[in-house]
C-alpha atoms as a PDB file:
ATOM      1  CA  MET A   1      12.487  -4.261 -13.137  1.00  0.00           C
ATOM      2  CA  THR A   2      10.601  -1.034 -12.573  1.00  0.00           C
ATOM      3  CA  TYR A   3       7.126   0.428 -12.184  1.00  0.00           C
ATOM      4  CA  LYS A   4       6.066   2.121 -15.423  1.00  0.00           C
ATOM      5  CA  HIS A   5       2.452   2.941 -14.512  1.00  0.00           C
ATOM      6  CA  ILE A   6       1.499   4.121 -11.015  1.00  0.00           C
ATOM      7  CA  LEU A   7      -2.065   4.852  -9.880  1.00  0.00           C
ATOM      8  CA  VAL A   8      -2.671   7.125  -6.904  1.00  0.00           C
ATOM      9  CA  HIS A   9      -6.052   7.282  -5.180  1.00  0.00           C
ATOM     10  CA  LEU A  10      -7.205  10.820  -4.397  1.00  0.00           C
ATOM     11  CA  ASP A  11      -9.915  12.137  -2.085  1.00  0.00           C
ATOM     12  CA  SER A  12     -10.572  15.211   0.068  1.00  0.00           C
ATOM     13  CA  SER A  13      -8.894  13.968   3.233  1.00  0.00           C
ATOM     14  CA  PRO A  14      -6.357  16.234   4.958  1.00  0.00           C
ATOM     15  CA  HIS A  15      -3.598  13.757   4.073  1.00  0.00           C
ATOM     16  CA  VAL A  16      -4.121  13.556   0.325  1.00  0.00           C
ATOM     17  CA  GLU A  17      -1.341  16.017  -0.506  1.00  0.00           C
ATOM     18  CA  ALA A  18       1.256  13.974   1.366  1.00  0.00           C
ATOM     19  CA  ARG A  19       0.009  10.859  -0.452  1.00  0.00           C
ATOM     20  CA  LEU A  20       0.231  12.587  -3.814  1.00  0.00           C
ATOM     21  CA  ASP A  21       3.728  13.879  -3.030  1.00  0.00           C
ATOM     22  CA  ALA A  22       4.825  10.327  -2.174  1.00  0.00           C
ATOM     23  CA  ALA A  23       3.351   8.997  -5.430  1.00  0.00           C
ATOM     24  CA  ILE A  24       5.080  11.736  -7.431  1.00  0.00           C
ATOM     25  CA  ALA A  25       8.429  10.957  -5.810  1.00  0.00           C
ATOM     26  CA  LEU A  26       7.991   7.276  -6.675  1.00  0.00           C
ATOM     27  CA  ALA A  27       6.994   8.080 -10.262  1.00  0.00           C
ATOM     28  CA  GLN A  28      10.078  10.258 -10.641  1.00  0.00           C
ATOM     29  CA  ARG A  29      12.346   7.575  -9.220  1.00  0.00           C
ATOM     30  CA  HIS A  30      10.975   4.859 -11.470  1.00  0.00           C
ATOM     31  CA  GLY A  31      10.288   6.955 -14.565  1.00  0.00           C
ATOM     32  CA  ALA A  32       6.588   6.100 -14.348  1.00  0.00           C
ATOM     33  CA  PHE A  33       3.404   7.527 -15.814  1.00  0.00           C
ATOM     34  CA  LEU A  34       1.260   8.736 -12.890  1.00  0.00           C
ATOM     35  CA  ARG A  35      -2.510   8.368 -13.021  1.00  0.00           C
ATOM     36  CA  GLY A  36      -4.671  10.087 -10.401  1.00  0.00           C
ATOM     37  CA  LEU A  37      -8.118   8.711  -9.546  1.00  0.00           C
ATOM     38  CA  PHE A  38     -10.479  10.831  -7.444  1.00  0.00           C
ATOM     39  CA  ALA A  39     -12.941   8.567  -5.626  1.00  0.00           C
ATOM     40  CA  GLN A  40     -14.741   9.155  -2.350  1.00  0.00           C
ATOM     41  CA  GLY A  41     -18.127   8.672  -0.763  1.00  0.00           C
ATOM     42  CA  ASP A  42     -20.839  11.263  -1.329  1.00  0.00           C
ATOM     43  CA  ARG A  43     -22.473  12.559   1.842  1.00  0.00           C
ATOM     44  CA  ASN A  44     -25.535  13.654  -0.179  1.00  0.00           C
ATOM     45  CA  ALA A  45     -27.866  10.640   0.105  1.00  0.00           C
ATOM     46  CA  THR A  46     -30.211  11.859  -2.639  1.00  0.00           C
ATOM     47  CA  SER A  47     -27.383  12.096  -5.140  1.00  0.00           C
ATOM     48  CA  VAL A  48     -26.111   8.674  -4.172  1.00  0.00           C
ATOM     49  CA  ILE A  49     -29.513   7.156  -4.887  1.00  0.00           C
ATOM     50  CA  ALA A  50     -29.739   9.055  -8.171  1.00  0.00           C
ATOM     51  CA  ARG A  51     -26.221   7.941  -9.158  1.00  0.00           C
ATOM     52  CA  ARG A  52     -25.027  11.476  -9.816  1.00  0.00           C
ATOM     53  CA  SER A  53     -22.588  13.782  -8.103  1.00  0.00           C
ATOM     54  CA  SER A  54     -23.782  16.282  -5.534  1.00  0.00           C
ATOM     55  CA  ASP A  55     -22.512  19.860  -5.716  1.00  0.00           C
ATOM     56  CA  HIS A  56     -20.232  19.034  -2.789  1.00  0.00           C
ATOM     57  CA  LEU A  57     -18.618  16.129  -4.664  1.00  0.00           C
ATOM     58  CA  VAL A  58     -18.297  18.144  -7.890  1.00  0.00           C
ATOM     59  CA  GLU A  59     -16.446  20.897  -6.026  1.00  0.00           C
ATOM     60  CA  ALA A  60     -14.182  18.382  -4.269  1.00  0.00           C
ATOM     61  CA  SER A  61     -13.428  16.702  -7.584  1.00  0.00           C
ATOM     62  CA  ALA A  62     -12.465  20.028  -9.163  1.00  0.00           C
ATOM     63  CA  ARG A  63     -10.087  20.818  -6.291  1.00  0.00           C
ATOM     64  CA  SER A  64      -8.532  17.375  -6.642  1.00  0.00           C
ATOM     65  CA  GLU A  65      -7.948  17.825 -10.356  1.00  0.00           C
ATOM     66  CA  ALA A  66      -6.371  21.252  -9.853  1.00  0.00           C
ATOM     67  CA  LEU A  67      -4.029  19.933  -7.143  1.00  0.00           C
ATOM     68  CA  PHE A  68      -3.013  16.931  -9.233  1.00  0.00           C
ATOM     69  CA  ARG A  69      -2.311  18.946 -12.386  1.00  0.00           C
ATOM     70  CA  GLU A  70      -0.381  21.599 -10.464  1.00  0.00           C
ATOM     71  CA  LYS A  71       1.904  19.087  -8.753  1.00  0.00           C
ATOM     72  CA  LEU A  72       2.323  16.976 -11.871  1.00  0.00           C
ATOM     73  CA  ALA A  73       3.457  19.995 -13.889  1.00  0.00           C
ATOM     74  CA  ALA A  74       5.839  21.128 -11.145  1.00  0.00           C
ATOM     75  CA  ALA A  75       7.411  17.659 -11.089  1.00  0.00           C
ATOM     76  CA  GLY A  76       7.705  17.471 -14.868  1.00  0.00           C
ATOM     77  CA  LEU A  77       5.884  14.146 -14.985  1.00  0.00           C
ATOM     78  CA  GLN A  78       3.579  12.561 -17.537  1.00  0.00           C
ATOM     79  CA  GLY A  79       0.198  11.684 -16.099  1.00  0.00           C
ATOM     80  CA  GLN A  80      -3.577  11.898 -16.238  1.00  0.00           C
ATOM     81  CA  TRP A  81      -6.373  12.646 -13.769  1.00  0.00           C
ATOM     82  CA  HIS A  82      -9.760  10.917 -13.599  1.00  0.00           C
ATOM     83  CA  GLY A  83     -12.775  11.368 -11.334  1.00  0.00           C
ATOM     84  CA  LEU A  84     -15.640   8.976 -10.585  1.00  0.00           C
ATOM     85  CA  THR A  85     -19.080  10.174 -11.595  1.00  0.00           C
ATOM     86  CA  HIS A  86     -20.679   9.502  -8.213  1.00  0.00           C
ATOM     87  CA  GLY A  87     -19.796   8.431  -4.702  1.00  0.00           C
ATOM     88  CA  GLU A  88     -21.998   5.466  -3.837  1.00  0.00           C
ATOM     89  CA  TYR A  89     -20.062   3.339  -1.321  1.00  0.00           C
ATOM     90  CA  ASN A  90     -19.787   0.069  -3.253  1.00  0.00           C
ATOM     91  CA  HIS A  91     -19.240   1.892  -6.540  1.00  0.00           C
ATOM     92  CA  VAL A  92     -16.183   3.648  -5.121  1.00  0.00           C
ATOM     93  CA  ILE A  93     -14.653   0.395  -3.890  1.00  0.00           C
ATOM     94  CA  ARG A  94     -15.431  -1.522  -7.078  1.00  0.00           C
ATOM     95  CA  GLU A  95     -14.049   1.159  -9.385  1.00  0.00           C
ATOM     96  CA  VAL A  96     -10.794   1.626  -7.488  1.00  0.00           C
ATOM     97  CA  ILE A  97     -10.273  -2.143  -7.618  1.00  0.00           C
ATOM     98  CA  ILE A  98     -10.825  -2.178 -11.380  1.00  0.00           C
ATOM     99  CA  TRP A  99      -8.587   0.819 -12.047  1.00  0.00           C
ATOM    100  CA  SER A 100      -5.862  -0.773  -9.916  1.00  0.00           C
ATOM    101  CA  ARG A 101      -5.786  -3.823 -12.188  1.00  0.00           C
ATOM    102  CA  PHE A 102      -4.430  -1.629 -14.984  1.00  0.00           C
ATOM    103  CA  ALA A 103      -1.483  -0.263 -12.987  1.00  0.00           C
ATOM    104  CA  ASP A 104       1.852  -1.680 -11.854  1.00  0.00           C
ATOM    105  CA  LEU A 105       1.380  -0.194  -8.387  1.00  0.00           C
ATOM    106  CA  THR A 106      -1.517   1.557  -6.635  1.00  0.00           C
ATOM    107  CA  VAL A 107      -0.835   4.188  -3.971  1.00  0.00           C
ATOM    108  CA  LEU A 108      -3.520   4.412  -1.280  1.00  0.00           C
ATOM    109  CA  GLY A 109      -3.916   6.371   1.927  1.00  0.00           C
ATOM    110  CA  GLN A 110      -4.196   4.719   5.331  1.00  0.00           C
ATOM    111  CA  TYR A 111      -7.724   5.047   6.676  1.00  0.00           C
ATOM    112  CA  ASP A 112      -8.156   7.891   9.148  1.00  0.00           C
ATOM    113  CA  ARG A 113     -11.366   7.817  11.153  1.00  0.00           C
ATOM    114  CA  GLU A 114     -11.071  11.546  11.833  1.00  0.00           C
ATOM    115  CA  ALA A 115     -11.329  12.393   8.118  1.00  0.00           C
ATOM    116  CA  GLY A 116     -14.994  11.365   8.065  1.00  0.00           C
ATOM    117  CA  SER A 117     -16.868  11.892   4.795  1.00  0.00           C
ATOM    118  CA  GLN A 118     -13.829  13.481   3.146  1.00  0.00           C
ATOM    119  CA  ALA A 119     -12.084  10.117   2.965  1.00  0.00           C
ATOM    120  CA  ALA A 120     -12.733   6.976   0.969  1.00  0.00           C
ATOM    121  CA  PRO A 121     -14.687   4.023   2.451  1.00  0.00           C
ATOM    122  CA  GLU A 122     -13.040   2.336   5.417  1.00  0.00           C
ATOM    123  CA  GLU A 123     -12.860  -1.033   3.637  1.00  0.00           C
ATOM    124  CA  LEU A 124     -11.286   0.359   0.456  1.00  0.00           C
ATOM    125  CA  ASN A 125      -7.648  -0.509   1.130  1.00  0.00           C
ATOM    126  CA  GLU A 126      -8.319  -4.075   2.199  1.00  0.00           C
ATOM    127  CA  GLN A 127     -10.607  -4.731  -0.756  1.00  0.00           C
ATOM    128  CA  VAL A 128      -8.122  -3.315  -3.279  1.00  0.00           C
ATOM    129  CA  VAL A 129      -5.277  -5.368  -1.816  1.00  0.00           C
ATOM    130  CA  LEU A 130      -7.282  -8.610  -1.825  1.00  0.00           C
ATOM    131  CA  ASN A 131      -9.101  -8.211  -5.145  1.00  0.00           C
ATOM    132  CA  SER A 132      -7.037  -6.122  -7.563  1.00  0.00           C
ATOM    133  CA  GLY A 133      -4.332  -8.698  -8.300  1.00  0.00           C
ATOM    134  CA  ARG A 134      -1.785  -5.875  -8.071  1.00  0.00           C
ATOM    135  CA  PRO A 135       0.488  -4.586  -5.291  1.00  0.00           C
ATOM    136  CA  ALA A 136      -0.751  -1.655  -3.221  1.00  0.00           C
ATOM    137  CA  LEU A 137       1.357   0.880  -1.367  1.00  0.00           C
ATOM    138  CA  VAL A 138      -0.439   2.325   1.675  1.00  0.00           C
ATOM    139  CA  ILE A 139       0.824   5.697   2.920  1.00  0.00           C
ATOM    140  CA  PRO A 140       0.255   6.367   6.672  1.00  0.00           C
ATOM    141  CA  TYR A 141      -2.022   9.276   7.488  1.00  0.00           C
ATOM    142  CA  ALA A 142       0.462  10.654  10.029  1.00  0.00           C
ATOM    143  CA  GLY A 143       3.611  12.260   8.652  1.00  0.00           C
ATOM    144  CA  ARG A 144       5.150  12.905   5.251  1.00  0.00           C
ATOM    145  CA  PHE A 145       7.233  10.401   3.309  1.00  0.00           C
ATOM    146  CA  PRO A 146       9.412  12.079   0.673  1.00  0.00           C
ATOM    147  CA  VAL A 147      11.707   9.022   0.572  1.00  0.00           C
ATOM    148  CA  ILE A 148      10.252   5.527   0.264  1.00  0.00           C
ATOM    149  CA  GLY A 149      12.331   2.443  -0.404  1.00  0.00           C
ATOM    150  CA  LYS A 150      15.833   3.385   0.728  1.00  0.00           C
ATOM    151  CA  ARG A 151      15.671   1.110   3.786  1.00  0.00           C
ATOM    152  CA  VAL A 152      13.234  -1.759   3.284  1.00  0.00           C
ATOM    153  CA  SER A 153      12.000  -4.439   5.693  1.00  0.00           C
ATOM    154  CA  VAL A 154      10.454  -7.580   4.161  1.00  0.00           C
ATOM    155  CA  ALA A 155       8.133  -9.795   6.221  1.00  0.00           C
ATOM    156  CA  TRP A 156       8.859 -13.370   5.159  1.00  0.00           C
ATOM    157  CA  ASN A 157       7.234 -16.682   6.050  1.00  0.00           C
ATOM    158  CA  ALA A 158       7.778 -18.567   2.765  1.00  0.00           C
ATOM    159  CA  GLU A 159       4.025 -18.663   2.004  1.00  0.00           C
ATOM    160  CA  ARG A 160       2.450 -17.780  -1.336  1.00  0.00           C
ATOM    161  CA  GLU A 161       1.437 -14.268  -0.343  1.00  0.00           C
ATOM    162  CA  ALA A 162       4.908 -13.441   0.962  1.00  0.00           C
ATOM    163  CA  ALA A 163       6.505 -14.704  -2.261  1.00  0.00           C
ATOM    164  CA  ARG A 164       4.080 -12.603  -4.307  1.00  0.00           C
ATOM    165  CA  ALA A 165       4.836  -9.484  -2.266  1.00  0.00           C
ATOM    166  CA  LEU A 166       8.572 -10.061  -2.591  1.00  0.00           C
ATOM    167  CA  SER A 167       8.293 -10.293  -6.372  1.00  0.00           C
ATOM    168  CA  ASP A 168       6.003  -7.268  -6.631  1.00  0.00           C
ATOM    169  CA  ALA A 169       8.384  -5.217  -4.483  1.00  0.00           C
ATOM    170  CA  MET A 170      11.493  -6.131  -6.493  1.00  0.00           C
ATOM    171  CA  PRO A 171      11.660  -2.733  -8.270  1.00  0.00           C
ATOM    172  CA  MET A 172      11.894  -1.167  -4.788  1.00  0.00           C
ATOM    173  CA  LEU A 173      14.356  -3.734  -3.464  1.00  0.00           C
ATOM    174  CA  GLU A 174      16.699  -3.346  -6.425  1.00  0.00           C
ATOM    175  CA  LYS A 175      16.975   0.396  -5.743  1.00  0.00           C
ATOM    176  CA  ALA A 176      17.194   0.117  -1.931  1.00  0.00           C
ATOM    177  CA  ASP A 177      20.297   0.933   0.113  1.00  0.00           C
ATOM    178  CA  GLU A 178      19.402  -1.568   2.856  1.00  0.00           C
ATOM    179  CA  VAL A 179      17.097  -4.598   2.893  1.00  0.00           C
ATOM    180  CA  THR A 180      16.221  -6.596   6.015  1.00  0.00           C
ATOM    181  CA  VAL A 181      14.216  -9.825   5.824  1.00  0.00           C
ATOM    182  CA  ILE A 182      12.175 -10.395   8.990  1.00  0.00           C
ATOM    183  CA  THR A 183      10.683 -13.775   9.873  1.00  0.00           C
ATOM    184  CA  VAL A 184       8.264 -13.815  12.791  1.00  0.00           C
ATOM    185  CA  LEU A 185       7.923 -17.236  14.425  1.00  0.00           C
ATOM    186  CA  THR A 186       5.022 -17.935  16.760  1.00  0.00           C
ATOM    187  CA  GLN A 187       5.304 -20.216  19.744  1.00  0.00           C
ATOM    188  CA  ALA A 188       2.691 -22.384  18.063  1.00  0.00           C
ATOM    189  CA  SER A 189       5.037 -23.034  15.153  1.00  0.00           C
ATOM    190  CA  GLY A 190       7.872 -24.049  17.475  1.00  0.00           C
ATOM    191  CA  SER A 191      10.789 -23.454  15.158  1.00  0.00           C
ATOM    192  CA  ALA A 192      11.801 -22.042  11.837  1.00  0.00           C
ATOM    193  CA  PRO A 193      10.744 -24.031   8.752  1.00  0.00           C
ATOM    194  CA  GLU A 194      13.504 -25.988   7.084  1.00  0.00           C
ATOM    195  CA  ALA A 195      15.270 -23.735   4.608  1.00  0.00           C
ATOM    196  CA  PRO A 196      15.548 -24.878   0.979  1.00  0.00           C
ATOM    197  CA  ARG A 197      18.982 -25.254  -0.534  1.00  0.00           C
ATOM    198  CA  ILE A 198      18.535 -21.997  -2.397  1.00  0.00           C
ATOM    199  CA  GLY A 199      17.644 -19.511   0.325  1.00  0.00           C
ATOM    200  CA  LEU A 200      15.897 -16.158   0.092  1.00  0.00           C
ATOM    201  CA  LEU A 201      19.098 -14.151   0.408  1.00  0.00           C
ATOM    202  CA  ASP A 202      20.566 -16.097  -2.507  1.00  0.00           C
ATOM    203  CA  HIS A 203      17.462 -15.358  -4.570  1.00  0.00           C
ATOM    204  CA  LEU A 204      17.729 -11.649  -3.787  1.00  0.00           C
ATOM    205  CA  ALA A 205      21.429 -11.674  -4.634  1.00  0.00           C
ATOM    206  CA  PHE A 206      20.585 -12.831  -8.165  1.00  0.00           C
ATOM    207  CA  HIS A 207      18.728  -9.515  -8.481  1.00  0.00           C
ATOM    208  CA  GLY A 208      21.675  -7.554  -7.156  1.00  0.00           C
ATOM    209  CA  VAL A 209      20.033  -7.091  -3.757  1.00  0.00           C
ATOM    210  CA  THR A 210      22.200  -7.539  -0.666  1.00  0.00           C
ATOM    211  CA  ALA A 211      20.027  -8.284   2.359  1.00  0.00           C
ATOM    212  CA  GLU A 212      20.264  -9.281   5.991  1.00  0.00           C
ATOM    213  CA  GLN A 213      17.906 -11.759   7.639  1.00  0.00           C
ATOM    214  CA  THR A 214      16.558 -11.898  11.179  1.00  0.00           C
ATOM    215  CA  HIS A 215      13.887 -13.883  13.007  1.00  0.00           C
ATOM    216  CA  PHE A 216      12.323 -13.939  16.448  1.00  0.00           C
ATOM    217  CA  THR A 217       9.557 -15.763  18.316  1.00  0.00           C
ATOM    218  CA  VAL A 218       6.405 -14.215  19.799  1.00  0.00           C
ATOM    219  CA  ASN A 219       2.924 -15.195  20.938  1.00  0.00           C
ATOM    220  CA  ASP A 220       0.276 -15.394  18.208  1.00  0.00           C
ATOM    221  CA  ILE A 221      -1.531 -12.338  19.543  1.00  0.00           C
ATOM    222  CA  GLY A 222       1.517 -10.097  19.446  1.00  0.00           C
ATOM    223  CA  ALA A 223       2.953 -11.205  16.081  1.00  0.00           C
ATOM    224  CA  MET A 224       1.898  -8.184  14.039  1.00  0.00           C
ATOM    225  CA  ASP A 225       2.903  -5.580  16.592  1.00  0.00           C
ATOM    226  CA  ALA A 226       6.243  -7.341  17.025  1.00  0.00           C
ATOM    227  CA  LEU A 227       6.759  -7.241  13.265  1.00  0.00           C
ATOM    228  CA  LEU A 228       6.016  -3.517  13.136  1.00  0.00           C
ATOM    229  CA  ALA A 229       8.313  -2.845  16.072  1.00  0.00           C
ATOM    230  CA  ARG A 230      11.173  -4.768  14.474  1.00  0.00           C
ATOM    231  CA  ALA A 231      10.674  -2.916  11.180  1.00  0.00           C
ATOM    232  CA  MET A 232      10.835   0.391  13.052  1.00  0.00           C
ATOM    233  CA  ASP A 233      13.995  -0.775  14.848  1.00  0.00           C
ATOM    234  CA  THR A 234      15.699  -1.268  11.480  1.00  0.00           C
ATOM    235  CA  GLY A 235      14.838   2.318  10.510  1.00  0.00           C
ATOM    236  CA  ALA A 236      12.713   1.089   7.619  1.00  0.00           C
ATOM    237  CA  ASP A 237      10.942   3.585   5.376  1.00  0.00           C
ATOM    238  CA  LEU A 238       8.998   0.745   3.725  1.00  0.00           C
ATOM    239  CA  LEU A 239       7.551  -2.571   4.951  1.00  0.00           C
ATOM    240  CA  VAL A 240       6.789  -5.298   2.397  1.00  0.00           C
ATOM    241  CA  MET A 241       4.459  -8.165   3.298  1.00  0.00           C
ATOM    242  CA  GLY A 242       1.915 -10.583   1.910  1.00  0.00           C
ATOM    243  CA  ALA A 243      -1.745  -9.865   2.617  1.00  0.00           C
ATOM    244  CA  HIS A 244      -4.128 -12.591   3.775  1.00  0.00           C
ATOM    245  CA  GLY A 245      -7.869 -12.655   3.315  1.00  0.00           C
ATOM    246  CA  HIS A 246      -8.647 -15.729   5.430  1.00  0.00           C
ATOM    247  CA  TYR A 247      -5.637 -16.084   7.675  1.00  0.00           C
ATOM    248  CA  GLY A 248      -2.900 -13.754   8.796  1.00  0.00           C
ATOM    249  CA  PHE A 249       0.862 -13.565   8.990  1.00  0.00           C
ATOM    250  CA  PRO A 250       1.960 -16.018  10.158  1.00  0.00           C
ATOM    251  CA  PHE A 251      -0.985 -17.888  11.756  1.00  0.00           C
ATOM    252  CA  LEU A 252      -3.728 -15.383  12.551  1.00  0.00           C
ATOM    253  CA  HIS A 253      -7.280 -16.011  11.383  1.00  0.00           C
ATOM    254  CA  ARG A 254      -9.599 -14.273   8.907  1.00  0.00           C
ATOM    255  CA  GLY A 255      -7.103 -11.696   7.768  1.00  0.00           C
ATOM    256  CA  SER A 256      -7.037  -9.974  11.152  1.00  0.00           C
ATOM    257  CA  GLY A 257      -3.270  -9.560  10.908  1.00  0.00           C
ATOM    258  CA  THR A 258      -3.475  -7.836   7.523  1.00  0.00           C
ATOM    259  CA  ARG A 259      -6.291  -5.588   8.728  1.00  0.00           C
ATOM    260  CA  HIS A 260      -4.357  -4.629  11.849  1.00  0.00           C
ATOM    261  CA  VAL A 261      -1.223  -3.717   9.911  1.00  0.00           C
ATOM    262  CA  LEU A 262      -3.212  -1.758   7.325  1.00  0.00           C
ATOM    263  CA  ARG A 263      -4.638   0.470  10.039  1.00  0.00           C
ATOM    264  CA  THR A 264      -1.620   0.835  12.321  1.00  0.00           C
ATOM    265  CA  CYS A 265       1.576   0.603  10.261  1.00  0.00           C
ATOM    266  CA  PRO A 266       3.582   3.807  10.906  1.00  0.00           C
ATOM    267  CA  VAL A 267       5.646   3.522   7.689  1.00  0.00           C
ATOM    268  CA  PRO A 268       4.611   3.027   4.054  1.00  0.00           C
ATOM    269  CA  LEU A 269       3.362  -0.511   3.524  1.00  0.00           C
ATOM    270  CA  LEU A 270       3.549  -2.519   0.294  1.00  0.00           C
ATOM    271  CA  LEU A 271       1.014  -5.359   0.286  1.00  0.00           C
ATOM    272  CA  SER A 272       0.289  -8.098  -2.232  1.00  0.00           C
ATOM    273  CA  HIS A 273      -2.172 -10.956  -2.095  1.00  0.00           C
END
């Protein structure tokens, strides 16, 4: 299994180059075609109403295209750049969702409040994850990540979303040096669910993936932070987990767990819904 078509979202935020570098490294590792999509809000209200690009957005789009083509050529990759025609808020979100449906993996940037109008809408990542039907890889805004997927942590609770994320991440897992499966139990759940006769580690072994498994118990409120801390303890350069729109991992409500991890995860995060 491998990713043959990777989409990377581009904007004018200060972190876009690190995001693009991460996407290029992934495309090289998987032999993928890399598609760049420039999409961000337009601070010119008149242009937004008129559904056309302001001069500011046109200039930002041109810089994005130049950066993408320069880095693509330097990496020796096949790819293509596209830019949205205007930056109305809902249009940006809707179009990135649609473009993501035609890719094996979409690379997004973690929302940074300090980036202001240079970044994409705050809700973009969550909406793409929940509505594209494809896995999304979210790159943190702090730091650079030239290597993603050597040491992988997988959040596992045997629910549909976790199974989907595991499957979508298999191209990463098959190439990883270390894989750790983390199960977070809440005090509300009491104990680990009964394991089926064919366990997760057996399933991964059929794919040539050797993994370790660990679990621990926390309060509901601290489940997500505990998961992130455990992933960091393993030295992970990638966290894989299922995303929830109406309830969180494992028992949080209204997707608050997914939203929290999207905004605070310190390592690249692969999410599927």
